[in-house]
C-alpha cells in the first residue's frame, strides 16, 4: 500500500491474484480492481467474498492477458514470479498492460534464499504441497523491466526468514516481531 497511488480512481490489475491476498485489502480501501486468475475457481472465490465480489475478473494465461496495451494504471503481481519459469515473458506482459506503475514481489538470491535449493526437501516434508520455486538476481529482473520501458523506483525487502518458518509458527505477532528485529538490524527494509 505504501507503493501504490493514493488515488482511489486509478485502475489496478492484480495478475495471478486469484487467491485474493491483495484484493481484499485493496477493495476495503476503495480501489478499483480487476483480478486475473488462471481458472474459473478464482472468480468463484471472489464471488463468495462480499468484499471482492464486485471486482472485475480476467481468466487467462498471465503472459497473454486479453486486454489492450496500457489498459491499467497499476499492475500488481505477487507470489507468481517464484513459480513462473517464463518470467521474462511475464515481465514483458506486465509492462505491456501497465500504464504507469508495476508492483511485484520476488524472492532474491540474497540472504537466506541463497540456501533455498538445499532446504527444499525439508520444506516439502513440512508443507507437503509445496512447489518448486526460483530465486532471482534483482539486477537481472531490473534490467528486464528497463528493456520494456519501466525503471525501478523503490524496493522493499519484505522477509528475511523463509516463509515456511512463519507458516510453521502460525503466530503472526511472533513473525512480525522477528521481521521487525531484522528490519531494525538493517537486514531488510
N, C-alpha and C. Protein backbone atom coordinates (compact mmCIF):
# COMPACT_ATOMS: atom_id res chain seq x y z
N UNK A 1 0.82 -1.21 0.00
CA UNK A 1 0.00 0.00 0.00
C UNK A 1 0.85 1.26 0.00
N UNK A 2 2.06 1.18 0.57
CA UNK A 2 2.95 2.34 0.56
C UNK A 2 3.43 2.66 -0.84
N UNK A 3 3.50 1.68 -1.72
CA UNK A 3 3.99 1.90 -3.07
C UNK A 3 2.89 2.32 -4.04
N UNK A 4 1.67 1.98 -3.76
CA UNK A 4 0.57 2.20 -4.71
C UNK A 4 0.06 3.64 -4.61
N UNK A 5 -0.47 4.15 -5.71
CA UNK A 5 -1.02 5.50 -5.74
C UNK A 5 -2.13 5.65 -4.70
N UNK A 6 -2.22 6.82 -4.10
CA UNK A 6 -3.29 7.05 -3.12
C UNK A 6 -4.61 7.41 -3.80
N UNK A 7 -4.58 7.66 -5.10
CA UNK A 7 -5.78 7.97 -5.88
C UNK A 7 -6.62 6.71 -6.04
N UNK A 8 -7.78 6.70 -5.41
CA UNK A 8 -8.65 5.51 -5.43
C UNK A 8 -9.31 5.29 -6.79
N UNK A 9 -9.18 6.25 -7.70
CA UNK A 9 -9.81 6.13 -9.02
C UNK A 9 -8.92 5.42 -10.04
N UNK A 10 -7.65 5.19 -9.72
CA UNK A 10 -6.77 4.54 -10.69
C UNK A 10 -7.21 3.09 -10.89
N UNK A 11 -7.02 2.60 -12.11
CA UNK A 11 -7.37 1.21 -12.40
C UNK A 11 -6.19 0.31 -12.03
N UNK A 12 -6.51 -0.81 -11.38
CA UNK A 12 -5.49 -1.74 -10.91
C UNK A 12 -5.82 -3.14 -11.41
N UNK A 13 -4.79 -3.82 -11.91
CA UNK A 13 -4.91 -5.23 -12.31
C UNK A 13 -3.99 -6.05 -11.43
N UNK A 14 -4.53 -7.07 -10.78
CA UNK A 14 -3.74 -7.97 -9.93
C UNK A 14 -3.54 -9.28 -10.70
N UNK A 15 -2.38 -9.42 -11.34
CA UNK A 15 -2.08 -10.59 -12.17
C UNK A 15 -1.69 -11.77 -11.28
N UNK A 16 -2.41 -12.87 -11.42
CA UNK A 16 -2.17 -14.03 -10.57
C UNK A 16 -2.77 -13.84 -9.19
N UNK A 17 -3.74 -12.97 -9.08
CA UNK A 17 -4.33 -12.62 -7.78
C UNK A 17 -5.53 -13.44 -7.38
N UNK A 18 -5.73 -14.58 -7.99
CA UNK A 18 -6.91 -15.40 -7.73
C UNK A 18 -7.06 -15.94 -6.33
N UNK A 19 -6.00 -15.87 -5.53
CA UNK A 19 -6.11 -16.29 -4.13
C UNK A 19 -6.57 -15.15 -3.23
N UNK A 20 -6.72 -13.97 -3.80
CA UNK A 20 -7.28 -12.79 -3.14
C UNK A 20 -6.44 -12.24 -1.99
N UNK A 21 -5.14 -12.48 -1.99
CA UNK A 21 -4.29 -11.95 -0.93
C UNK A 21 -4.27 -10.43 -0.94
N UNK A 22 -4.34 -9.82 -2.11
CA UNK A 22 -4.30 -8.36 -2.21
C UNK A 22 -5.68 -7.75 -2.44
N UNK A 23 -6.56 -8.50 -3.06
CA UNK A 23 -7.86 -7.96 -3.45
C UNK A 23 -8.67 -7.45 -2.26
N UNK A 24 -8.73 -8.22 -1.19
CA UNK A 24 -9.50 -7.79 -0.02
C UNK A 24 -9.02 -6.46 0.54
N UNK A 25 -7.74 -6.34 0.89
CA UNK A 25 -7.26 -5.08 1.44
C UNK A 25 -7.42 -3.90 0.47
N UNK A 26 -7.22 -4.12 -0.82
CA UNK A 26 -7.37 -3.03 -1.78
C UNK A 26 -8.83 -2.60 -1.91
N UNK A 27 -9.73 -3.58 -2.00
CA UNK A 27 -11.16 -3.27 -2.11
C UNK A 27 -11.68 -2.57 -0.85
N UNK A 28 -11.23 -3.02 0.29
CA UNK A 28 -11.65 -2.40 1.55
C UNK A 28 -11.24 -0.93 1.62
N UNK A 29 -10.18 -0.57 0.92
CA UNK A 29 -9.71 0.81 0.90
C UNK A 29 -10.27 1.60 -0.28
N UNK A 30 -11.16 0.98 -1.05
CA UNK A 30 -11.87 1.69 -2.10
C UNK A 30 -11.20 1.74 -3.47
N UNK A 31 -10.20 0.91 -3.71
CA UNK A 31 -9.56 0.90 -5.03
C UNK A 31 -10.42 0.19 -6.06
N UNK A 32 -10.30 0.58 -7.34
CA UNK A 32 -10.95 -0.07 -8.46
C UNK A 32 -10.03 -1.19 -8.92
N UNK A 33 -10.48 -2.43 -8.81
CA UNK A 33 -9.59 -3.57 -9.00
C UNK A 33 -10.17 -4.60 -9.96
N UNK A 34 -9.30 -5.12 -10.83
CA UNK A 34 -9.60 -6.29 -11.64
C UNK A 34 -8.61 -7.37 -11.23
N UNK A 35 -9.11 -8.56 -10.99
CA UNK A 35 -8.27 -9.68 -10.59
C UNK A 35 -8.09 -10.61 -11.77
N UNK A 36 -6.86 -11.01 -12.01
CA UNK A 36 -6.57 -12.01 -13.03
C UNK A 36 -6.34 -13.35 -12.34
N UNK A 37 -6.92 -14.40 -12.89
CA UNK A 37 -6.70 -15.74 -12.38
C UNK A 37 -6.60 -16.72 -13.52
N UNK A 38 -6.07 -17.89 -13.24
CA UNK A 38 -5.87 -18.88 -14.30
C UNK A 38 -7.02 -19.86 -14.42
N UNK A 39 -8.03 -19.75 -13.53
CA UNK A 39 -9.14 -20.70 -13.56
C UNK A 39 -10.43 -20.04 -13.07
N UNK A 40 -11.56 -20.59 -13.47
CA UNK A 40 -12.86 -20.07 -13.06
C UNK A 40 -13.05 -20.14 -11.55
N UNK A 41 -12.36 -21.05 -10.89
CA UNK A 41 -12.48 -21.17 -9.42
C UNK A 41 -12.04 -19.88 -8.72
N UNK A 42 -11.18 -19.11 -9.37
CA UNK A 42 -10.77 -17.83 -8.80
C UNK A 42 -11.96 -16.88 -8.73
N UNK A 43 -12.77 -16.84 -9.78
CA UNK A 43 -13.97 -15.99 -9.79
C UNK A 43 -14.95 -16.47 -8.73
N UNK A 44 -15.07 -17.77 -8.57
CA UNK A 44 -15.97 -18.32 -7.54
C UNK A 44 -15.52 -17.88 -6.15
N UNK A 45 -14.22 -17.88 -5.92
CA UNK A 45 -13.66 -17.43 -4.64
C UNK A 45 -13.99 -15.95 -4.42
N UNK A 46 -13.88 -15.15 -5.48
CA UNK A 46 -14.20 -13.73 -5.39
C UNK A 46 -15.67 -13.51 -5.08
N UNK A 47 -16.54 -14.27 -5.76
CA UNK A 47 -17.99 -14.12 -5.57
C UNK A 47 -18.41 -14.52 -4.16
N UNK A 48 -17.69 -15.42 -3.53
CA UNK A 48 -18.03 -15.87 -2.18
C UNK A 48 -17.60 -14.86 -1.11
N UNK A 49 -16.81 -13.88 -1.50
CA UNK A 49 -16.31 -12.88 -0.56
C UNK A 49 -17.02 -11.55 -0.83
N UNK A 50 -17.83 -11.06 0.11
CA UNK A 50 -18.57 -9.82 -0.12
C UNK A 50 -17.68 -8.62 -0.46
N UNK A 51 -16.45 -8.65 -0.01
CA UNK A 51 -15.54 -7.53 -0.26
C UNK A 51 -15.05 -7.52 -1.72
N UNK A 52 -14.90 -8.70 -2.32
CA UNK A 52 -14.31 -8.77 -3.68
C UNK A 52 -15.31 -9.13 -4.77
N UNK A 53 -16.56 -9.41 -4.42
CA UNK A 53 -17.49 -9.90 -5.44
C UNK A 53 -17.80 -8.86 -6.52
N UNK A 54 -17.55 -7.59 -6.26
CA UNK A 54 -17.82 -6.55 -7.26
C UNK A 54 -16.63 -6.28 -8.18
N UNK A 55 -15.48 -6.90 -7.93
CA UNK A 55 -14.28 -6.69 -8.75
C UNK A 55 -14.43 -7.31 -10.13
N UNK A 56 -13.72 -6.73 -11.08
CA UNK A 56 -13.65 -7.33 -12.40
C UNK A 56 -12.79 -8.59 -12.34
N UNK A 57 -12.93 -9.44 -13.35
CA UNK A 57 -12.16 -10.68 -13.38
C UNK A 57 -11.74 -11.01 -14.80
N UNK A 58 -10.49 -11.46 -14.94
CA UNK A 58 -9.95 -11.93 -16.21
C UNK A 58 -9.40 -13.33 -15.99
N UNK A 59 -9.79 -14.27 -16.84
CA UNK A 59 -9.25 -15.63 -16.78
C UNK A 59 -8.41 -15.86 -18.04
N UNK A 60 -7.13 -16.12 -17.84
CA UNK A 60 -6.23 -16.37 -18.97
C UNK A 60 -4.86 -16.78 -18.44
N UNK A 61 -3.96 -17.02 -19.37
CA UNK A 61 -2.56 -17.20 -19.01
C UNK A 61 -2.02 -15.82 -18.62
N UNK A 62 -1.12 -15.76 -17.66
CA UNK A 62 -0.59 -14.44 -17.28
C UNK A 62 0.31 -13.80 -18.34
N UNK A 63 0.72 -14.57 -19.34
CA UNK A 63 1.57 -13.98 -20.37
C UNK A 63 0.81 -13.66 -21.66
N UNK A 64 -0.52 -13.87 -21.64
CA UNK A 64 -1.37 -13.48 -22.77
C UNK A 64 -2.66 -12.88 -22.22
N UNK A 65 -2.54 -11.75 -21.58
CA UNK A 65 -3.71 -11.10 -20.98
C UNK A 65 -4.58 -10.50 -22.10
N UNK A 66 -5.87 -10.77 -22.09
CA UNK A 66 -6.76 -10.30 -23.16
C UNK A 66 -7.23 -8.86 -22.95
N UNK A 67 -6.25 -7.95 -22.85
CA UNK A 67 -6.56 -6.52 -22.68
C UNK A 67 -5.64 -5.71 -23.59
N UNK A 68 -6.05 -4.48 -23.86
CA UNK A 68 -5.27 -3.57 -24.70
C UNK A 68 -3.99 -3.14 -23.98
N UNK A 69 -3.03 -2.69 -24.77
CA UNK A 69 -1.80 -2.13 -24.21
C UNK A 69 -2.15 -0.96 -23.28
N UNK A 70 -1.40 -0.86 -22.19
CA UNK A 70 -1.52 0.25 -21.22
C UNK A 70 -2.95 0.41 -20.68
N UNK A 71 -3.64 -0.69 -20.47
CA UNK A 71 -5.03 -0.68 -20.01
C UNK A 71 -5.20 -0.30 -18.55
N UNK A 72 -4.17 -0.54 -17.73
CA UNK A 72 -4.30 -0.32 -16.28
C UNK A 72 -3.23 0.63 -15.78
N UNK A 73 -3.63 1.54 -14.93
CA UNK A 73 -2.67 2.48 -14.32
C UNK A 73 -1.60 1.70 -13.57
N UNK A 74 -2.03 0.74 -12.75
CA UNK A 74 -1.12 -0.03 -11.91
C UNK A 74 -1.35 -1.52 -12.13
N UNK A 75 -0.26 -2.26 -12.27
CA UNK A 75 -0.34 -3.71 -12.39
C UNK A 75 0.45 -4.32 -11.25
N UNK A 76 -0.17 -5.27 -10.57
CA UNK A 76 0.44 -5.97 -9.44
C UNK A 76 0.67 -7.43 -9.81
N UNK A 77 1.68 -8.04 -9.24
CA UNK A 77 1.85 -9.48 -9.38
C UNK A 77 2.63 -9.99 -8.17
N UNK A 78 1.94 -10.67 -7.28
CA UNK A 78 2.54 -11.17 -6.05
C UNK A 78 2.44 -12.69 -5.99
N UNK A 79 3.50 -13.32 -5.51
CA UNK A 79 3.59 -14.77 -5.33
C UNK A 79 3.47 -15.52 -6.65
N UNK A 80 3.82 -14.87 -7.77
CA UNK A 80 3.76 -15.52 -9.07
C UNK A 80 5.15 -15.75 -9.65
N UNK A 81 6.02 -14.75 -9.57
CA UNK A 81 7.36 -14.86 -10.15
C UNK A 81 8.10 -16.11 -9.70
N UNK A 82 8.04 -16.41 -8.43
CA UNK A 82 8.81 -17.52 -7.87
C UNK A 82 8.50 -18.85 -8.54
N UNK A 83 7.27 -19.00 -9.02
CA UNK A 83 6.83 -20.28 -9.57
C UNK A 83 6.66 -20.24 -11.09
N UNK A 84 7.01 -19.14 -11.72
CA UNK A 84 6.77 -18.97 -13.15
C UNK A 84 8.08 -19.02 -13.91
N UNK A 85 8.30 -20.10 -14.63
CA UNK A 85 9.57 -20.28 -15.34
C UNK A 85 9.77 -19.27 -16.46
N UNK A 86 8.70 -18.87 -17.12
CA UNK A 86 8.80 -17.91 -18.23
C UNK A 86 8.73 -16.48 -17.70
N UNK A 87 9.55 -16.17 -16.71
CA UNK A 87 9.45 -14.88 -16.02
C UNK A 87 9.74 -13.70 -16.93
N UNK A 88 10.59 -13.84 -17.94
CA UNK A 88 10.85 -12.73 -18.86
C UNK A 88 9.60 -12.39 -19.67
N UNK A 89 8.86 -13.41 -20.08
CA UNK A 89 7.61 -13.18 -20.79
C UNK A 89 6.59 -12.53 -19.86
N UNK A 90 6.61 -12.92 -18.59
CA UNK A 90 5.72 -12.30 -17.61
C UNK A 90 6.05 -10.82 -17.46
N UNK A 91 7.32 -10.47 -17.36
CA UNK A 91 7.72 -9.07 -17.27
C UNK A 91 7.24 -8.30 -18.50
N UNK A 92 7.46 -8.88 -19.68
CA UNK A 92 7.03 -8.23 -20.92
C UNK A 92 5.53 -7.93 -20.89
N UNK A 93 4.74 -8.91 -20.46
CA UNK A 93 3.28 -8.74 -20.46
C UNK A 93 2.83 -7.74 -19.40
N UNK A 94 3.43 -7.76 -18.23
CA UNK A 94 3.10 -6.76 -17.20
C UNK A 94 3.38 -5.36 -17.72
N UNK A 95 4.51 -5.20 -18.39
CA UNK A 95 4.88 -3.90 -18.94
C UNK A 95 3.95 -3.48 -20.08
N UNK A 96 3.47 -4.43 -20.83
CA UNK A 96 2.56 -4.12 -21.94
C UNK A 96 1.24 -3.55 -21.44
N UNK A 97 0.69 -4.13 -20.38
CA UNK A 97 -0.65 -3.72 -19.93
C UNK A 97 -0.63 -2.59 -18.91
N UNK A 98 0.53 -2.29 -18.31
CA UNK A 98 0.62 -1.22 -17.31
C UNK A 98 0.83 0.13 -17.99
N UNK A 99 0.14 1.13 -17.48
CA UNK A 99 0.32 2.48 -18.00
C UNK A 99 1.34 3.26 -17.18
N UNK A 100 1.30 3.15 -15.84
CA UNK A 100 2.16 3.98 -15.00
C UNK A 100 3.08 3.22 -14.06
N UNK A 101 2.55 2.17 -13.41
CA UNK A 101 3.39 1.51 -12.42
C UNK A 101 3.11 0.02 -12.35
N UNK A 102 4.15 -0.70 -11.93
CA UNK A 102 4.08 -2.15 -11.74
C UNK A 102 4.68 -2.43 -10.37
N UNK A 103 3.99 -3.24 -9.59
CA UNK A 103 4.49 -3.61 -8.27
C UNK A 103 4.50 -5.13 -8.20
N UNK A 104 5.67 -5.70 -7.97
CA UNK A 104 5.81 -7.16 -7.92
C UNK A 104 6.57 -7.57 -6.67
N UNK A 105 6.46 -8.83 -6.33
CA UNK A 105 7.34 -9.39 -5.31
C UNK A 105 8.06 -10.56 -5.92
N UNK A 106 9.25 -10.79 -5.43
CA UNK A 106 10.01 -11.94 -5.90
C UNK A 106 11.08 -12.27 -4.88
N UNK A 107 11.39 -13.55 -4.76
CA UNK A 107 12.48 -13.94 -3.85
C UNK A 107 13.82 -13.65 -4.51
N UNK A 108 14.69 -12.96 -3.79
CA UNK A 108 16.01 -12.67 -4.35
C UNK A 108 17.01 -13.72 -3.89
N UNK A 109 18.12 -13.75 -4.59
CA UNK A 109 19.16 -14.73 -4.25
C UNK A 109 20.00 -14.28 -3.07
N UNK A 110 19.65 -13.14 -2.49
CA UNK A 110 20.40 -12.67 -1.33
C UNK A 110 19.88 -13.33 -0.05
N UNK A 111 20.65 -13.22 0.99
CA UNK A 111 20.28 -13.69 2.34
C UNK A 111 19.97 -15.19 2.35
N UNK A 112 18.96 -15.56 3.12
CA UNK A 112 18.62 -16.95 3.37
C UNK A 112 18.18 -17.68 2.09
N UNK A 113 17.55 -16.99 1.15
CA UNK A 113 17.08 -17.63 -0.08
C UNK A 113 18.20 -18.30 -0.87
N UNK A 114 19.41 -17.85 -0.64
CA UNK A 114 20.56 -18.46 -1.31
C UNK A 114 20.63 -19.96 -1.01
N UNK A 115 20.15 -20.34 0.19
CA UNK A 115 20.19 -21.73 0.61
C UNK A 115 18.90 -22.49 0.29
N UNK A 116 17.96 -21.83 -0.36
CA UNK A 116 16.66 -22.43 -0.66
C UNK A 116 16.73 -23.78 -1.33
N UNK A 117 17.49 -23.91 -2.41
CA UNK A 117 17.55 -25.22 -3.08
C UNK A 117 18.03 -26.34 -2.17
N UNK A 118 18.94 -26.02 -1.26
CA UNK A 118 19.44 -27.04 -0.34
C UNK A 118 18.39 -27.46 0.69
N UNK A 119 17.47 -26.55 1.00
CA UNK A 119 16.47 -26.81 2.03
C UNK A 119 15.12 -27.25 1.47
N UNK A 120 15.03 -27.43 0.14
CA UNK A 120 13.74 -27.73 -0.48
C UNK A 120 13.13 -29.03 0.04
N UNK A 121 13.93 -30.07 0.20
CA UNK A 121 13.39 -31.35 0.69
C UNK A 121 12.77 -31.19 2.07
N UNK A 122 13.42 -30.43 2.94
CA UNK A 122 12.88 -30.17 4.27
C UNK A 122 11.57 -29.37 4.17
N UNK A 123 11.56 -28.38 3.32
CA UNK A 123 10.35 -27.56 3.12
C UNK A 123 9.20 -28.43 2.64
N UNK A 124 9.49 -29.32 1.70
CA UNK A 124 8.45 -30.20 1.15
C UNK A 124 7.92 -31.15 2.23
N UNK A 125 8.82 -31.62 3.10
CA UNK A 125 8.42 -32.51 4.18
C UNK A 125 7.48 -31.79 5.16
N UNK A 126 7.76 -30.52 5.40
CA UNK A 126 6.96 -29.72 6.34
C UNK A 126 5.64 -29.30 5.72
N UNK A 127 5.69 -28.75 4.50
CA UNK A 127 4.50 -28.17 3.89
C UNK A 127 3.68 -29.16 3.07
N UNK A 128 4.23 -30.28 2.72
CA UNK A 128 3.57 -31.35 1.96
C UNK A 128 3.23 -30.97 0.51
N UNK A 129 2.58 -29.84 0.29
CA UNK A 129 2.11 -29.49 -1.06
C UNK A 129 2.92 -28.38 -1.71
N UNK A 130 4.14 -28.16 -1.26
CA UNK A 130 4.94 -27.06 -1.80
C UNK A 130 5.36 -27.35 -3.24
N UNK A 131 5.60 -26.28 -3.97
CA UNK A 131 6.05 -26.39 -5.36
C UNK A 131 7.47 -25.84 -5.46
N UNK A 132 8.17 -26.27 -6.51
CA UNK A 132 9.50 -25.70 -6.74
C UNK A 132 9.37 -24.20 -6.97
N UNK A 133 10.40 -23.49 -6.61
CA UNK A 133 10.42 -22.06 -6.85
C UNK A 133 11.82 -21.67 -7.27
N UNK A 134 11.91 -20.47 -7.76
CA UNK A 134 13.22 -19.94 -8.15
C UNK A 134 13.44 -18.60 -7.46
N UNK A 135 14.67 -18.30 -7.19
CA UNK A 135 15.06 -17.00 -6.66
C UNK A 135 15.72 -16.22 -7.79
N UNK A 136 15.77 -14.90 -7.64
CA UNK A 136 16.23 -14.04 -8.71
C UNK A 136 17.34 -13.11 -8.27
N UNK A 137 18.24 -12.83 -9.20
CA UNK A 137 19.20 -11.75 -9.00
C UNK A 137 18.45 -10.47 -9.35
N UNK A 138 18.28 -9.59 -8.39
CA UNK A 138 17.47 -8.38 -8.59
C UNK A 138 17.94 -7.56 -9.79
N UNK A 139 19.25 -7.35 -10.00
CA UNK A 139 19.66 -6.57 -11.18
C UNK A 139 19.20 -7.18 -12.51
N UNK A 140 19.14 -8.50 -12.57
CA UNK A 140 18.69 -9.16 -13.80
C UNK A 140 17.22 -8.84 -14.07
N UNK A 141 16.40 -8.86 -13.03
CA UNK A 141 14.97 -8.55 -13.19
C UNK A 141 14.80 -7.06 -13.49
N UNK A 142 15.55 -6.21 -12.79
CA UNK A 142 15.50 -4.77 -13.03
C UNK A 142 15.83 -4.46 -14.49
N UNK A 143 16.85 -5.11 -15.02
CA UNK A 143 17.24 -4.90 -16.42
C UNK A 143 16.13 -5.32 -17.37
N UNK A 144 15.44 -6.40 -17.03
CA UNK A 144 14.35 -6.87 -17.91
C UNK A 144 13.21 -5.85 -17.93
N UNK A 145 12.86 -5.28 -16.78
CA UNK A 145 11.82 -4.23 -16.76
C UNK A 145 12.29 -3.01 -17.56
N UNK A 146 13.55 -2.65 -17.44
CA UNK A 146 14.11 -1.50 -18.15
C UNK A 146 14.00 -1.69 -19.67
N UNK A 147 14.22 -2.91 -20.13
CA UNK A 147 14.10 -3.20 -21.57
C UNK A 147 12.73 -2.84 -22.11
N UNK A 148 11.73 -2.88 -21.24
CA UNK A 148 10.34 -2.64 -21.65
C UNK A 148 9.83 -1.27 -21.19
N UNK A 149 10.75 -0.39 -20.80
CA UNK A 149 10.38 0.99 -20.51
C UNK A 149 10.03 1.32 -19.07
N UNK A 150 10.26 0.42 -18.15
CA UNK A 150 9.96 0.69 -16.74
C UNK A 150 11.24 0.70 -15.92
N UNK A 151 11.36 1.69 -15.04
CA UNK A 151 12.53 1.85 -14.20
C UNK A 151 12.13 1.59 -12.75
N UNK A 152 12.93 0.83 -12.04
CA UNK A 152 12.65 0.55 -10.62
C UNK A 152 12.89 1.81 -9.80
N UNK A 153 11.85 2.24 -9.09
CA UNK A 153 11.96 3.44 -8.26
C UNK A 153 12.09 3.12 -6.79
N UNK A 154 11.73 1.92 -6.40
CA UNK A 154 11.80 1.57 -4.99
C UNK A 154 11.86 0.07 -4.80
N UNK A 155 12.33 -0.29 -3.63
CA UNK A 155 12.47 -1.71 -3.30
C UNK A 155 12.24 -1.86 -1.80
N UNK A 156 11.51 -2.87 -1.43
CA UNK A 156 11.26 -3.14 -0.02
C UNK A 156 11.50 -4.61 0.22
N UNK A 157 12.44 -4.91 1.06
CA UNK A 157 12.75 -6.31 1.37
C UNK A 157 11.77 -6.74 2.45
N UNK A 158 10.85 -7.61 2.07
CA UNK A 158 9.71 -7.96 2.91
C UNK A 158 10.06 -8.95 4.02
N UNK A 159 10.73 -10.05 3.67
CA UNK A 159 11.01 -11.09 4.65
C UNK A 159 12.50 -11.41 4.66
N UNK A 160 13.05 -11.66 5.83
CA UNK A 160 14.42 -12.13 5.94
C UNK A 160 14.43 -13.65 6.01
N UNK A 161 13.58 -14.19 6.89
CA UNK A 161 13.50 -15.65 7.03
C UNK A 161 12.53 -16.23 6.00
N UNK A 162 12.73 -17.47 5.60
CA UNK A 162 11.82 -18.10 4.63
C UNK A 162 10.39 -18.16 5.18
N UNK A 163 9.43 -18.03 4.29
CA UNK A 163 8.02 -18.02 4.68
C UNK A 163 7.59 -19.31 5.35
N UNK A 164 8.23 -20.43 5.00
CA UNK A 164 7.87 -21.71 5.61
C UNK A 164 8.03 -21.64 7.13
N UNK A 165 9.03 -20.89 7.59
CA UNK A 165 9.26 -20.73 9.02
C UNK A 165 8.02 -20.11 9.69
N UNK A 166 7.45 -19.11 9.05
CA UNK A 166 6.28 -18.44 9.62
C UNK A 166 5.02 -19.29 9.49
N UNK A 167 4.94 -20.08 8.44
CA UNK A 167 3.80 -20.99 8.31
C UNK A 167 3.82 -22.03 9.43
N UNK A 168 5.02 -22.45 9.81
CA UNK A 168 5.15 -23.40 10.92
C UNK A 168 4.77 -22.75 12.25
N UNK A 169 5.22 -21.52 12.45
CA UNK A 169 4.95 -20.82 13.71
C UNK A 169 3.44 -20.61 13.93
N UNK A 170 2.77 -20.16 12.88
CA UNK A 170 1.33 -19.85 12.94
C UNK A 170 1.02 -18.81 14.02
N UNK A 171 2.00 -17.95 14.31
CA UNK A 171 1.80 -16.88 15.29
C UNK A 171 2.24 -15.58 14.63
N UNK A 172 1.26 -14.86 14.12
CA UNK A 172 1.54 -13.64 13.35
C UNK A 172 2.37 -12.63 14.15
N UNK A 173 2.05 -12.43 15.41
CA UNK A 173 2.76 -11.44 16.22
C UNK A 173 4.24 -11.79 16.37
N UNK A 174 4.53 -13.08 16.51
CA UNK A 174 5.92 -13.51 16.64
C UNK A 174 6.66 -13.30 15.31
N UNK A 175 6.00 -13.61 14.21
CA UNK A 175 6.60 -13.39 12.89
C UNK A 175 6.88 -11.91 12.68
N UNK A 176 5.92 -11.06 13.03
CA UNK A 176 6.11 -9.62 12.90
C UNK A 176 7.26 -9.14 13.79
N UNK A 177 7.38 -9.73 14.97
CA UNK A 177 8.47 -9.37 15.87
C UNK A 177 9.82 -9.72 15.30
N UNK A 178 9.94 -10.94 14.77
CA UNK A 178 11.21 -11.35 14.14
C UNK A 178 11.57 -10.42 12.99
N UNK A 179 10.61 -10.20 12.10
CA UNK A 179 10.90 -9.37 10.92
C UNK A 179 11.15 -7.92 11.32
N UNK A 180 10.49 -7.44 12.37
CA UNK A 180 10.77 -6.09 12.88
C UNK A 180 12.21 -5.97 13.37
N UNK A 181 12.68 -7.00 14.05
CA UNK A 181 14.06 -7.02 14.51
C UNK A 181 15.03 -7.01 13.33
N UNK A 182 14.77 -7.83 12.33
CA UNK A 182 15.64 -7.87 11.14
C UNK A 182 15.65 -6.52 10.42
N UNK A 183 14.51 -5.82 10.42
CA UNK A 183 14.42 -4.51 9.78
C UNK A 183 15.28 -3.50 10.55
N UNK A 184 15.18 -3.53 11.89
CA UNK A 184 15.98 -2.62 12.73
C UNK A 184 17.47 -2.89 12.54
N UNK A 185 17.82 -4.16 12.37
CA UNK A 185 19.23 -4.54 12.17
C UNK A 185 19.72 -4.20 10.75
N UNK A 186 18.83 -3.75 9.88
CA UNK A 186 19.22 -3.37 8.53
C UNK A 186 19.29 -4.53 7.56
N UNK A 187 18.73 -5.69 7.94
CA UNK A 187 18.77 -6.85 7.05
C UNK A 187 17.66 -6.83 6.00
N UNK A 188 16.60 -6.09 6.28
CA UNK A 188 15.51 -5.90 5.32
C UNK A 188 15.09 -4.44 5.39
N UNK A 189 14.19 -4.07 4.52
CA UNK A 189 13.67 -2.70 4.54
C UNK A 189 13.88 -2.01 3.21
